[in-house]
Amino acid sequence: MGLFCSYKIQTIQLKSTFFICRLIDHLEKSGNINEEIPFRTLFETYKFENIEEREIHGDVNIETFSKYIRKLFPEAGFHRKRLPNGQKMRMIRGLHLRQNVPNTEESNVITVIQKALDHFSEEVDISGQTAHQIICCMRTKFKINGMEIHKIIKFNVDKSWELWIAGKEVNLQQAKISKYFQFTTNSVLGVLHIVSMMELCEGIQITKSIVCSRFHTIEDFENTCDKENTGRRRIRSMICQKLTSLIGTSKACVTCQRMIFDTSGKSQGEILKEKDKNEQRQQKNNSTTEEDLRQMIPNAPPEMITFLSSQTNNISRNPKGRRWPKEVISVFLQLYNRSPLGYEALRQSNLLVLPSPSLLLLYKNCVKQKVGFMDEIFEWMLNEAIRLQIPKEGYFGGIILDEMAVQEDLQIERNSKGIELVGLVDKGEEGNLCSTLRQGQKIRKLGNHILQLVFLGFTGFRFPIAHFVSDQIQAYDMYSLFWEATDKLQMFGFTCVYTSMDGAQCNRTFLNMHVSTMQTTIVQNPCNYEECVVFMMDYSHVIKKLRNNILKSGIKKGCTRNVTLVTGENIQWQMFCDAYHWDKQNALQIHRRLTNEHLYPSTQSKMRNHLAEQVMDTDMLHLLKSTRVHLIMVVTK
């Protein structure tokens, strides 16, 4: 006891990584019962605070958030308030966000727990303590086989806690509850409040319409608060989770619910025989496990073992019942995006068992993408960076601006809000309002260009963040969109330190709006005055622009200019063509990559960056010098 009391708490800050404890830490009851705030504002504020700490729970939407609020804070009231514009807004009363005040931890843990127990309304006692933990006992209203069931809470010195019920430890991670706490009164009260809200699994009542599996126990269940249902016999699974879902309606856990079989139209013997056949079939399907594959192929990497295991498990299953690991889905999705026809040809060849294209599209469209900036995209980007374990320098990078031409088309899309027209010009809310002010009227045109913004980190992490539909974007529209994207990235923990763009006229005008002189292209970031942003042109587009200027230089028909070097010498495209034809006559060509497409490009070939880079590389310089030497030798002879 003395060793535990004198234990010095380390100064490490253990953060809660699961939803329920984060909710308890952020929200508290309001002293004013008439205080009300918009429920959407409460949800968005909670999300923003989690994003700041890089803790995002993708499976918690606003409906799930509402269910947890009703369960954890039953005193909070919900109602709809009519606004002056006639719309209705969902309001919550008697709840507000807890102020983020740092709590000082105490070294005497027993004193902290005792203070928490004195403030706690339900009956909880300290049942034991050792040098490494304190054990608390919370009574319940249930008895099984005449024995009262208690919730045993163990507070450990490493700032973790455990929950035991009927001699079995509860899986807190499965229940989305953090196993860590702080040595403060509020933190211990939060743990006690969560444990008190958890309902015990009552098992399944025995009736004539069901039959259970072999792995079960029969118990006499008694509820001391419900005299009418006292002494009922219940069936419980041998691997019962002991707790029900916090926001569920059933009084039995998921494991106990799964052991029930419907007997309508079948005898008990037929059901048991069918169950045995299903178990044998499942064992046969899972006969080739990952351990067997490792023994057969000892030098195979883990990715190959996962892929082969998915093939052996899915080959005998119904196509609608196949299950795929996320690593396999990720690879197949990349193949499908590169070439849908190639993926379908590989799938039809029956060489491999592949997921259907419709399943891949479900994964691809898991986040509904719309024109403009979406918080869901940035949350997805942050989750992906955390999953890939991107280092700190990977959160620094730049924004790549690229505009491409598309065919004008108008599509009608049906969604939950009704019918929506897709394909019209949309430059964001600010861009559309400015366009209406300039034209003096609100006109929607068909878009023929797409502006895409892509984040590229220093470690190679690439993620598209937004796209906009335009009829050739202008510099003033790009100005507001770029700095808004920079601000959004900063909100989600990413930093923009450069931007790369091609040499289009709008991009050059956009650059001139920030750079008054061409001596520097470093601009101060208006979103964070302590940082700067470097503006640069894309290397491939610069080389292509140089090639296009030389392509139009000459004295032949069709040439529009005569490019002159600083030394006063002319450079014409015909020089490149003559060097190419002379090189083709040699047995060993100097520039082996040159083709007619390089020297006589079509309209489509002029857009290919690699053709321009190959015709302007060092091999071409060596070829031109060799051609010059050859011509000098011919003249001297």
Foldseek 3Di string as FASTA:
>chain_A
DVLQQQDDADPDDDDQQFDLLLVLQWKDFDPDQADKDFLVVVVVVSQLVCLVVLRDDVVDDSVNVVLSCCLLPVSKDWDWDQDPVGDITIMIGGMDTDDPDDDDADSRLVVLLVVLCVPDDFDKDFPDDDSFWTKIWGFAQKDKQNHGWIWIWIQGSVQFIWTDTPRHTADQVVLRGGRGFTSHNSRSNSVVSVVVLWAFQPAAFDDPFKDFDPAWDKIQMAGNVDVVPHRTIHIGGNPFNGTDHSSDDDSHHPVRVVRIDGQVPHDPVVVRVVVVVVVVVQCVLCVCDLVNVCVVPVPDDPVVSQQVSLQSNPVPDDLVPRDHDPVLLVVLLVVCVVPVVVSVVVCVVPPTPDRDPVVNVCVVCVDPADADFDVVQLSVLSVVCVVVVPDLQQLEFAKEKDKDFADFDWDWDQDPVGIDIPQKFDLDPVVQVVVCVVVVHRDIDGFGMKIWIWTATPVGDIGTGHMGGHNDDALVSVVVRRLVVQLSSVSSPHHHAEYEYADDPRVVVNQCVADVDPPASWGARPNDRVGIYGYDYDPLRVLLVVVVLQALADDDPNRDHWDADPVGDTHHLVLLVVLVVVQVPDPDGQQVPDDVCLSPPDPVSSPDSVSSDSCPDVSVVVSSVVVVVVVVVVVVD
